[in-house]
Every structure is written in structure tokens, then in C-alpha cells.
C-alpha atoms as a PDB file:
ATOM      1  CA  MET A   1       1.429 -63.958  11.746  1.00  0.00           C
ATOM      2  CA  HIS A   2       4.649 -65.171  10.120  1.00  0.00           C
ATOM      3  CA  TYR A   3       5.413 -64.699   6.461  1.00  0.00           C
ATOM      4  CA  PRO A   4       7.433 -67.492   4.784  1.00  0.00           C
ATOM      5  CA  PHE A   5       9.673 -64.937   3.103  1.00  0.00           C
ATOM      6  CA  VAL A   6      12.330 -64.742   5.821  1.00  0.00           C
ATOM      7  CA  GLN A   7      12.506 -68.498   6.304  1.00  0.00           C
ATOM      8  CA  ALA A   8      12.982 -69.042   2.580  1.00  0.00           C
ATOM      9  CA  LEU A   9      15.511 -66.240   2.365  1.00  0.00           C
ATOM     10  CA  SER A  10      17.501 -67.656   5.276  1.00  0.00           C
ATOM     11  CA  GLY A  11      17.469 -71.130   3.775  1.00  0.00           C
ATOM     12  CA  ARG A  12      18.857 -69.952   0.454  1.00  0.00           C
ATOM     13  CA  ARG A  13      21.538 -67.728   1.910  1.00  0.00           C
ATOM     14  CA  ALA A  14      22.642 -70.161   4.598  1.00  0.00           C
ATOM     15  CA  ARG A  15      24.196 -72.266   1.813  1.00  0.00           C
ATOM     16  CA  ASN A  16      26.228 -69.314   0.602  1.00  0.00           C
ATOM     17  CA  GLN A  17      29.358 -68.219   2.485  1.00  0.00           C
ATOM     18  CA  SER A  18      28.722 -64.626   1.386  1.00  0.00           C
ATOM     19  CA  THR A  19      25.430 -64.550   3.274  1.00  0.00           C
ATOM     20  CA  SER A  20      24.094 -61.121   4.225  1.00  0.00           C
ATOM     21  CA  CYS A  21      24.574 -59.698   7.719  1.00  0.00           C
ATOM     22  CA  GLY A  22      20.903 -60.091   8.566  1.00  0.00           C
ATOM     23  CA  THR A  23      20.667 -63.769   7.692  1.00  0.00           C
ATOM     24  CA  LEU A  24      24.028 -64.598   9.259  1.00  0.00           C
ATOM     25  CA  PHE A  25      22.993 -62.949  12.493  1.00  0.00           C
ATOM     26  CA  ALA A  26      19.697 -64.817  12.531  1.00  0.00           C
ATOM     27  CA  LEU A  27      21.416 -68.136  11.905  1.00  0.00           C
ATOM     28  CA  THR A  28      23.948 -67.635  14.696  1.00  0.00           C
ATOM     29  CA  VAL A  29      21.582 -66.512  17.472  1.00  0.00           C
ATOM     30  CA  CYS A  30      18.154 -67.830  16.482  1.00  0.00           C
ATOM     31  CA  SER A  31      18.066 -70.278  19.404  1.00  0.00           C
ATOM     32  CA  SER A  32      18.932 -67.699  22.061  1.00  0.00           C
ATOM     33  CA  PRO A  33      16.585 -65.623  24.265  1.00  0.00           C
ATOM     34  CA  VAL A  34      18.051 -62.499  22.640  1.00  0.00           C
ATOM     35  CA  TRP A  35      16.911 -63.663  19.227  1.00  0.00           C
ATOM     36  CA  ALA A  36      13.470 -64.521  20.635  1.00  0.00           C
ATOM     37  CA  GLN A  37      13.118 -60.944  21.851  1.00  0.00           C
ATOM     38  CA  GLY A  38      14.432 -59.631  18.552  1.00  0.00           C
ATOM     39  CA  GLU A  39      12.042 -61.797  16.561  1.00  0.00           C
ATOM     40  CA  LYS A  40       9.090 -60.306  18.429  1.00  0.00           C
ATOM     41  CA  SER A  41      10.232 -56.798  17.559  1.00  0.00           C
ATOM     42  CA  ILE A  42      10.922 -57.839  13.945  1.00  0.00           C
ATOM     43  CA  ASN A  43       7.413 -59.225  13.560  1.00  0.00           C
ATOM     44  CA  GLU A  44       5.797 -56.237  15.233  1.00  0.00           C
ATOM     45  CA  LEU A  45       7.700 -53.745  13.087  1.00  0.00           C
ATOM     46  CA  ARG A  46       6.792 -55.702   9.959  1.00  0.00           C
ATOM     47  CA  ASP A  47       3.123 -55.540  10.914  1.00  0.00           C
ATOM     48  CA  ALA A  48       3.368 -51.826  11.740  1.00  0.00           C
ATOM     49  CA  LEU A  49       4.900 -51.138   8.329  1.00  0.00           C
ATOM     50  CA  VAL A  50       2.118 -53.041   6.578  1.00  0.00           C
ATOM     51  CA  ALA A  51      -0.410 -51.109   8.664  1.00  0.00           C
ATOM     52  CA  LEU A  52       0.919 -47.818   7.280  1.00  0.00           C
ATOM     53  CA  ALA A  53      -1.140 -48.529   4.172  1.00  0.00           C
ATOM     54  CA  PRO A  54      -2.922 -51.896   4.322  1.00  0.00           C
ATOM     55  CA  GLY A  55      -3.293 -53.367   0.871  1.00  0.00           C
ATOM     56  CA  ASP A  56      -0.610 -51.073  -0.548  1.00  0.00           C
ATOM     57  CA  VAL A  57       2.513 -51.986   1.444  1.00  0.00           C
ATOM     58  CA  ASP A  58       4.003 -55.271   0.266  1.00  0.00           C
ATOM     59  CA  PRO A  59       4.311 -57.598   3.318  1.00  0.00           C
ATOM     60  CA  HIS A  60       7.478 -59.119   1.850  1.00  0.00           C
ATOM     61  CA  GLU A  61       9.099 -55.682   1.598  1.00  0.00           C
ATOM     62  CA  ALA A  62       7.980 -54.896   5.150  1.00  0.00           C
ATOM     63  CA  GLU A  63       9.542 -58.090   6.469  1.00  0.00           C
ATOM     64  CA  LEU A  64      12.769 -57.609   4.529  1.00  0.00           C
ATOM     65  CA  LEU A  65      13.109 -54.064   5.822  1.00  0.00           C
ATOM     66  CA  SER A  66      12.376 -55.084   9.411  1.00  0.00           C
ATOM     67  CA  VAL A  67      14.794 -58.027   9.450  1.00  0.00           C
ATOM     68  CA  THR A  68      17.545 -55.989   7.802  1.00  0.00           C
ATOM     69  CA  ALA A  69      17.170 -52.960  10.079  1.00  0.00           C
ATOM     70  CA  HIS A  70      17.169 -55.068  13.252  1.00  0.00           C
ATOM     71  CA  THR A  71      20.124 -57.243  12.327  1.00  0.00           C
ATOM     72  CA  MET A  72      22.172 -54.411  10.827  1.00  0.00           C
ATOM     73  CA  SER A  73      21.686 -52.372  13.996  1.00  0.00           C
ATOM     74  CA  ARG A  74      23.131 -55.100  16.225  1.00  0.00           C
ATOM     75  CA  ARG A  75      25.935 -55.854  13.800  1.00  0.00           C
ATOM     76  CA  LEU A  76      26.944 -52.203  13.565  1.00  0.00           C
ATOM     77  CA  ALA A  77      27.066 -51.860  17.360  1.00  0.00           C
ATOM     78  CA  ARG A  78      29.577 -54.696  17.424  1.00  0.00           C
ATOM     79  CA  GLU A  79      31.598 -53.169  14.598  1.00  0.00           C
ATOM     80  CA  TYR A  80      31.602 -49.752  16.276  1.00  0.00           C
ATOM     81  CA  GLY A  81      32.622 -51.342  19.582  1.00  0.00           C
ATOM     82  CA  VAL A  82      29.612 -50.039  21.500  1.00  0.00           C
ATOM     83  CA  HIS A  83      29.365 -51.294  25.069  1.00  0.00           C
ATOM     84  CA  GLY A  84      26.618 -49.940  27.281  1.00  0.00           C
ATOM     85  CA  ASP A  85      25.360 -46.359  27.211  1.00  0.00           C
ATOM     86  CA  PRO A  86      25.609 -44.905  23.658  1.00  0.00           C
ATOM     87  CA  ALA A  87      26.173 -41.446  25.138  1.00  0.00           C
ATOM     88  CA  ILE A  88      29.410 -42.730  26.673  1.00  0.00           C
ATOM     89  CA  HIS A  89      30.385 -44.106  23.282  1.00  0.00           C
ATOM     90  CA  ASN A  90      29.781 -40.646  21.797  1.00  0.00           C
ATOM     91  CA  PHE A  91      32.106 -39.203  24.434  1.00  0.00           C
ATOM     92  CA  LEU A  92      34.785 -41.735  23.476  1.00  0.00           C
ATOM     93  CA  ILE A  93      34.435 -40.623  19.860  1.00  0.00           C
ATOM     94  CA  ASN A  94      34.789 -36.982  20.898  1.00  0.00           C
ATOM     95  CA  ILE A  95      38.087 -37.688  22.692  1.00  0.00           C
ATOM     96  CA  GLY A  96      39.367 -39.859  19.845  1.00  0.00           C
ATOM     97  CA  ALA A  97      39.157 -43.223  21.618  1.00  0.00           C
ATOM     98  CA  LYS A  98      36.538 -44.509  19.155  1.00  0.00           C
ATOM     99  CA  LYS A  99      36.053 -43.676  15.497  1.00  0.00           C
ATOM    100  CA  ARG A 100      32.424 -44.384  14.662  1.00  0.00           C
ATOM    101  CA  GLY A 101      29.086 -45.060  16.300  1.00  0.00           C
ATOM    102  CA  ILE A 102      27.233 -41.748  16.513  1.00  0.00           C
ATOM    103  CA  CYS A 103      23.567 -41.690  15.518  1.00  0.00           C
ATOM    104  CA  ALA A 104      24.350 -40.465  11.998  1.00  0.00           C
ATOM    105  CA  ASP A 105      26.658 -43.460  11.480  1.00  0.00           C
ATOM    106  CA  TYR A 106      23.857 -45.908  12.293  1.00  0.00           C
ATOM    107  CA  THR A 107      21.444 -43.973  10.095  1.00  0.00           C
ATOM    108  CA  ARG A 108      23.775 -43.815   7.128  1.00  0.00           C
ATOM    109  CA  ASP A 109      25.004 -47.416   7.386  1.00  0.00           C
ATOM    110  CA  ILE A 110      21.549 -48.941   7.842  1.00  0.00           C
ATOM    111  CA  GLY A 111      20.173 -46.610   5.187  1.00  0.00           C
ATOM    112  CA  SER A 112      22.931 -47.596   2.759  1.00  0.00           C
ATOM    113  CA  ARG A 113      21.871 -51.219   3.055  1.00  0.00           C
ATOM    114  CA  LEU A 114      18.143 -50.586   2.867  1.00  0.00           C
ATOM    115  CA  LYS A 115      18.365 -48.354  -0.210  1.00  0.00           C
ATOM    116  CA  GLU A 116      19.942 -51.242  -2.114  1.00  0.00           C
ATOM    117  CA  PHE A 117      16.595 -53.053  -2.062  1.00  0.00           C
ATOM    118  CA  HIS A 118      14.846 -50.323  -4.106  1.00  0.00           C
ATOM    119  CA  PHE A 119      11.584 -50.741  -2.223  1.00  0.00           C
ATOM    120  CA  LYS A 120       8.509 -50.057  -4.305  1.00  0.00           C
ATOM    121  CA  THR A 121       5.899 -49.745  -1.554  1.00  0.00           C
ATOM    122  CA  LEU A 122       8.012 -48.246   1.263  1.00  0.00           C
ATOM    123  CA  VAL A 123       9.944 -44.972   1.282  1.00  0.00           C
ATOM    124  CA  LEU A 124      13.079 -44.102   3.269  1.00  0.00           C
ATOM    125  CA  HIS A 125      13.524 -40.683   4.879  1.00  0.00           C
ATOM    126  CA  TRP A 126      16.214 -39.123   7.080  1.00  0.00           C
ATOM    127  CA  GLY A 127      14.895 -37.669  10.316  1.00  0.00           C
ATOM    128  CA  SER A 128      16.612 -35.214  12.653  1.00  0.00           C
ATOM    129  CA  ALA A 129      15.531 -34.153  16.119  1.00  0.00           C
ATOM    130  CA  TYR A 130      16.991 -30.990  17.681  1.00  0.00           C
ATOM    131  CA  ALA A 131      19.293 -30.505  14.679  1.00  0.00           C
ATOM    132  CA  LYS A 132      22.593 -28.700  15.365  1.00  0.00           C
ATOM    133  CA  GLU A 133      22.036 -28.795  19.123  1.00  0.00           C
ATOM    134  CA  SER A 134      23.923 -30.778  21.760  1.00  0.00           C
ATOM    135  CA  ASP A 135      21.222 -33.441  22.023  1.00  0.00           C
ATOM    136  CA  GLU A 136      20.656 -33.853  18.296  1.00  0.00           C
ATOM    137  CA  ASN A 137      19.589 -37.287  17.124  1.00  0.00           C
ATOM    138  CA  ASN A 138      19.320 -38.691  13.611  1.00  0.00           C
ATOM    139  CA  ALA A 139      17.365 -41.750  12.525  1.00  0.00           C
ATOM    140  CA  LEU A 140      15.651 -43.332   9.571  1.00  0.00           C
ATOM    141  CA  VAL A 141      11.951 -42.767   9.058  1.00  0.00           C
ATOM    142  CA  VAL A 142       9.934 -45.125   6.859  1.00  0.00           C
ATOM    143  CA  THR A 143       6.609 -44.268   5.244  1.00  0.00           C
ATOM    144  CA  ALA A 144       4.314 -45.857   2.708  1.00  0.00           C
ATOM    145  CA  ARG A 145       4.254 -44.309  -0.762  1.00  0.00           C
ATOM    146  CA  ASN A 146       2.811 -40.786  -0.873  1.00  0.00           C
ATOM    147  CA  GLN A 147       2.589 -40.544   2.914  1.00  0.00           C
ATOM    148  CA  PRO A 148       3.914 -37.505   4.813  1.00  0.00           C
ATOM    149  CA  PHE A 149       7.045 -37.842   6.940  1.00  0.00           C
ATOM    150  CA  GLN A 150       5.078 -37.236  10.148  1.00  0.00           C
ATOM    151  CA  ASP A 151       2.987 -40.370   9.520  1.00  0.00           C
ATOM    152  CA  GLY A 152       6.062 -42.605   9.306  1.00  0.00           C
ATOM    153  CA  ILE A 153       7.915 -44.903  11.692  1.00  0.00           C
ATOM    154  CA  VAL A 154      11.253 -43.996  13.330  1.00  0.00           C
ATOM    155  CA  LEU A 155      14.054 -46.587  13.134  1.00  0.00           C
ATOM    156  CA  ASP A 156      16.805 -45.669  15.606  1.00  0.00           C
ATOM    157  CA  GLY A 157      19.820 -47.956  16.009  1.00  0.00           C
ATOM    158  CA  TRP A 158      21.798 -45.555  18.194  1.00  0.00           C
ATOM    159  CA  ARG A 159      19.405 -44.934  21.073  1.00  0.00           C
ATOM    160  CA  ARG A 160      19.586 -48.398  22.630  1.00  0.00           C
ATOM    161  CA  GLY A 161      23.201 -49.129  21.754  1.00  0.00           C
ATOM    162  CA  GLY A 162      22.445 -51.342  18.754  1.00  0.00           C
ATOM    163  CA  ARG A 163      19.087 -52.764  19.840  1.00  0.00           C
ATOM    164  CA  LEU A 164      16.778 -51.221  17.266  1.00  0.00           C
ATOM    165  CA  PHE A 165      14.251 -48.784  18.683  1.00  0.00           C
ATOM    166  CA  TRP A 166      11.203 -48.026  16.566  1.00  0.00           C
ATOM    167  CA  CYS A 167       7.880 -46.292  16.981  1.00  0.00           C
ATOM    168  CA  PRO A 168       5.548 -43.978  15.049  1.00  0.00           C
ATOM    169  CA  VAL A 169       7.127 -40.555  14.563  1.00  0.00           C
ATOM    170  CA  LYS A 170       4.264 -38.816  16.353  1.00  0.00           C
ATOM    171  CA  ASN A 171       4.449 -41.161  19.360  1.00  0.00           C
ATOM    172  CA  ASP A 172       8.174 -41.025  20.133  1.00  0.00           C
ATOM    173  CA  PRO A 173       8.211 -40.366  23.880  1.00  0.00           C
ATOM    174  CA  GLU A 174      11.866 -39.310  24.022  1.00  0.00           C
ATOM    175  CA  TYR A 175      11.817 -36.751  21.211  1.00  0.00           C
ATOM    176  CA  GLU A 176       8.900 -34.446  21.782  1.00  0.00           C
ATOM    177  CA  VAL A 177       8.955 -30.655  21.720  1.00  0.00           C
ATOM    178  CA  GLY A 178       9.346 -29.473  25.328  1.00  0.00           C
ATOM    179  CA  ARG A 179      11.091 -32.638  26.498  1.00  0.00           C
ATOM    180  CA  ARG A 180      14.545 -31.238  27.151  1.00  0.00           C
ATOM    181  CA  GLY A 181      17.160 -31.729  29.814  1.00  0.00           C
ATOM    182  CA  LEU A 182      17.332 -34.207  32.673  1.00  0.00           C
ATOM    183  CA  LEU A 183      13.841 -33.626  34.062  1.00  0.00           C
ATOM    184  CA  GLY A 184      12.306 -34.093  30.644  1.00  0.00           C
ATOM    185  CA  HIS A 185      13.979 -37.428  30.111  1.00  0.00           C
ATOM    186  CA  LEU A 186      12.973 -38.547  33.594  1.00  0.00           C
ATOM    187  CA  GLY A 187       9.354 -37.766  32.830  1.00  0.00           C
ATOM    188  CA  GLY A 188       9.166 -34.454  34.670  1.00  0.00           C
ATOM    189  CA  TYR A 189       7.314 -32.540  31.992  1.00  0.00           C
ATOM    190  CA  LEU A 190       3.883 -32.128  30.447  1.00  0.00           C
ATOM    191  CA  ARG A 191       3.229 -33.962  27.204  1.00  0.00           C
ATOM    192  CA  THR A 192       2.968 -31.570  24.278  1.00  0.00           C
ATOM    193  CA  GLY A 193       2.012 -34.090  21.617  1.00  0.00           C
ATOM    194  CA  ILE A 194       4.323 -32.318  19.150  1.00  0.00           C
ATOM    195  CA  THR A 195       7.164 -34.374  17.740  1.00  0.00           C
ATOM    196  CA  ALA A 196      10.682 -32.974  17.606  1.00  0.00           C
ATOM    197  CA  TRP A 197      11.449 -35.057  14.502  1.00  0.00           C
ATOM    198  CA  LYS A 198      11.846 -33.152  11.256  1.00  0.00           C
ATOM    199  CA  GLU A 199      12.893 -34.327   7.838  1.00  0.00           C
ATOM    200  CA  ASP A 200      16.393 -33.566   6.564  1.00  0.00           C
ATOM    201  CA  PHE A 201      15.582 -33.215   2.871  1.00  0.00           C
ATOM    202  CA  GLN A 202      19.199 -33.250   1.717  1.00  0.00           C
ATOM    203  CA  GLU A 203      19.869 -36.572   3.405  1.00  0.00           C
ATOM    204  CA  THR A 204      16.491 -37.941   2.320  1.00  0.00           C
ATOM    205  CA  ALA A 205      17.427 -37.174  -1.281  1.00  0.00           C
ATOM    206  CA  TRP A 206      20.562 -39.303  -0.783  1.00  0.00           C
ATOM    207  CA  LEU A 207      18.489 -42.184   0.568  1.00  0.00           C
ATOM    208  CA  GLN A 208      16.131 -42.019  -2.372  1.00  0.00           C
ATOM    209  CA  ASP A 209      18.567 -41.719  -5.254  1.00  0.00           C
ATOM    210  CA  ASN A 210      21.355 -43.807  -6.736  1.00  0.00           C
ATOM    211  CA  GLN A 211      24.177 -41.934  -5.040  1.00  0.00           C
ATOM    212  CA  SER A 212      27.034 -44.129  -3.818  1.00  0.00           C
ATOM    213  CA  PRO A 213      26.520 -45.258  -0.195  1.00  0.00           C
ATOM    214  CA  VAL A 214      30.130 -44.343   0.568  1.00  0.00           C
ATOM    215  CA  ALA A 215      29.413 -40.612   0.351  1.00  0.00           C
ATOM    216  CA  GLU A 216      31.080 -38.721   3.176  1.00  0.00           C
ATOM    217  CA  PRO A 217      28.608 -38.505   6.077  1.00  0.00           C
ATOM    218  CA  LYS A 218      27.914 -35.387   8.058  1.00  0.00           C
ATOM    219  CA  ARG A 219      29.481 -35.540  11.511  1.00  0.00           C
ATOM    220  CA  ARG A 220      26.623 -35.422  13.904  1.00  0.00           C
ATOM    221  CA  ARG A 221      25.692 -36.752  17.302  1.00  0.00           C
END
């Protein structure tokens, strides 16, 4: 199912040289296999967001959020200079060879853009997995109104080096309690069914208020 919202939005903004990053990206790569793969993920995320609360979540908001998150994620990877494994990019940041591109950078930059839309049927949250540990990850979590954090959907730009990863919080196979170390990430563990994602309420408050998006971010993995 395709909503006409994105097509109309792209048509209007294509005539404006100050077009947003999402529309510009779509216009420049829409004929490529990469865009075809991205469009599938965009449509599936849109539908998953609507399914959070059918009849309550505005499909136009769901599509706008999905398009923006996907295109921002790829754009940021280019701006950060990410090439290949994001863990290597983190190492380059740690030795001073790169300046930005850790998971918190993706989360804050994508979140800064999304909060500008003032969604009425979707809510932005900041999620942290294994906070303050060496394998900490941060990502956006989106819920419908009045839904708990654990029922939301993770949006992670860092994990795939700019190719947006998303899934229900409870079903994230890479961030589950008990999945630690090399064997865990290779599948050598028993599923616990308990997510490692927890809400960072301080950062969530930033996402949900009118604070300037240029606030100094926490330095995290």
C-alpha cells in the first residue's frame, strides 16, 4: 500500500532548491537498486508504525517519520564519513581521526529533525542498551500515544553504518539480556526474550520538548 503523501511532498519540494534531506535523497537515487531496497523498508516501517495503534496513528505521520528517518540515516553516514563497519568508525573517533558518528550522534541528529514535525499521533523516546558499558548503544524508539516504551519500535542508524535498522523493541535480536560478547553475537546463546533496551528519560524529555536541537550531546558509543 502506498500513500500519496510522499509523492506529493517530493513534487512540491523538488521545485525548491532548499529541499529537505529526505526528499533530495529520494530524488537523486530513486531509480537505483539501493533506493528500491530502501523504499521497501520505508513502506514496511510506515505500516509497522500504523500497526502500533490502528485507527489512532496517522498514516501520513507514519510515512513522514519513516521517510525522514531512513534518508537522514544515510545522509548522516555520508556526513560523518562512515565507510564499512561502524565499530571501526567508533575506533577512529576514539583516536581522533574522525569527529562524529557514534550511535548517540545518529540518535540526536535524527531525533532533532523528527522532533521538528511535532507529531500528534507518534511519540519519540530515547533508548539505551547496556548504558555506560563498552558495548552501549543508543537509538530512537517510537511509540503510539500513551503506549509504553517496551511496545515501541527501535530506529537505529548506527548499527548498519547508515542503513536504518528498525524492529520492535521486544524483538531486537542483537540487544537482548544475556546476549553479550562474541559468542552471543554469533548466536551462541539461549534466547531470554528480555530486551536490553531501556528508556533514558532525560534524553526522552529533550526529544519531547522545545529545547534547541543544538544542545550539547552526551558522548556515548
